[in-house]
Amino acid sequence: MGFLHAVFFVIIPSIGACTVLSLRLGQELPKACRRTGRSIGMGYNYLKILLKHITPRSSHGVELVRKMRQTGQQAFAFSNEVKWNLLETGPMVKNILPGITEDPFDKFGLKPVEKKIQPKGDLNSILLSVLEERQRIITSKSDRAKEEETLNKL
């Protein structure tokens, strides 16, 4: 129904109206065709020029994006290194200074990593350990996302 409606009520009347208008032009029809052709041709030329000026001439933008990604990866690696160093030095500080009652590393919000349990040889224990590790990763990612949201709100 939609296609037939478009053909009979939109396309055919449009073609008929264009034909009637072009026949009414009479001697002016060649001039009108030339002007229409020129405007279409100039529109095409303008489009080519616009695309030529919009496209990058070098890989400068790609290089900037690559450097930003590399910098982000380096910052992430550095923050992980600092975190692990703080987690490793925490027990040493407690042993060296036994008079400290409050843990100074609690302010950093670091949680010690749980020791992994080596799975036994049977398949069930291996699958259970994989599922536990997966759940631990999911919860740690969601915790990190929540922390980032709260930091971004501040």
Foldseek 3Di string as FASTA:
>chain_A
DVVVCCVPPPVVVVVVVVVVVLVVCPPCNVVVVVVVVVVVVVVVVVVVVVVVVVDDPDCVVVVVVVVVVVVVVVVVVVVVVVLVVCVVCQVVVCVVCVVDPDRPCVVVVHDDDDDQDDFDDDPVSVVVSVVVVVVVVVVVVVVVVVVVVVVVVD
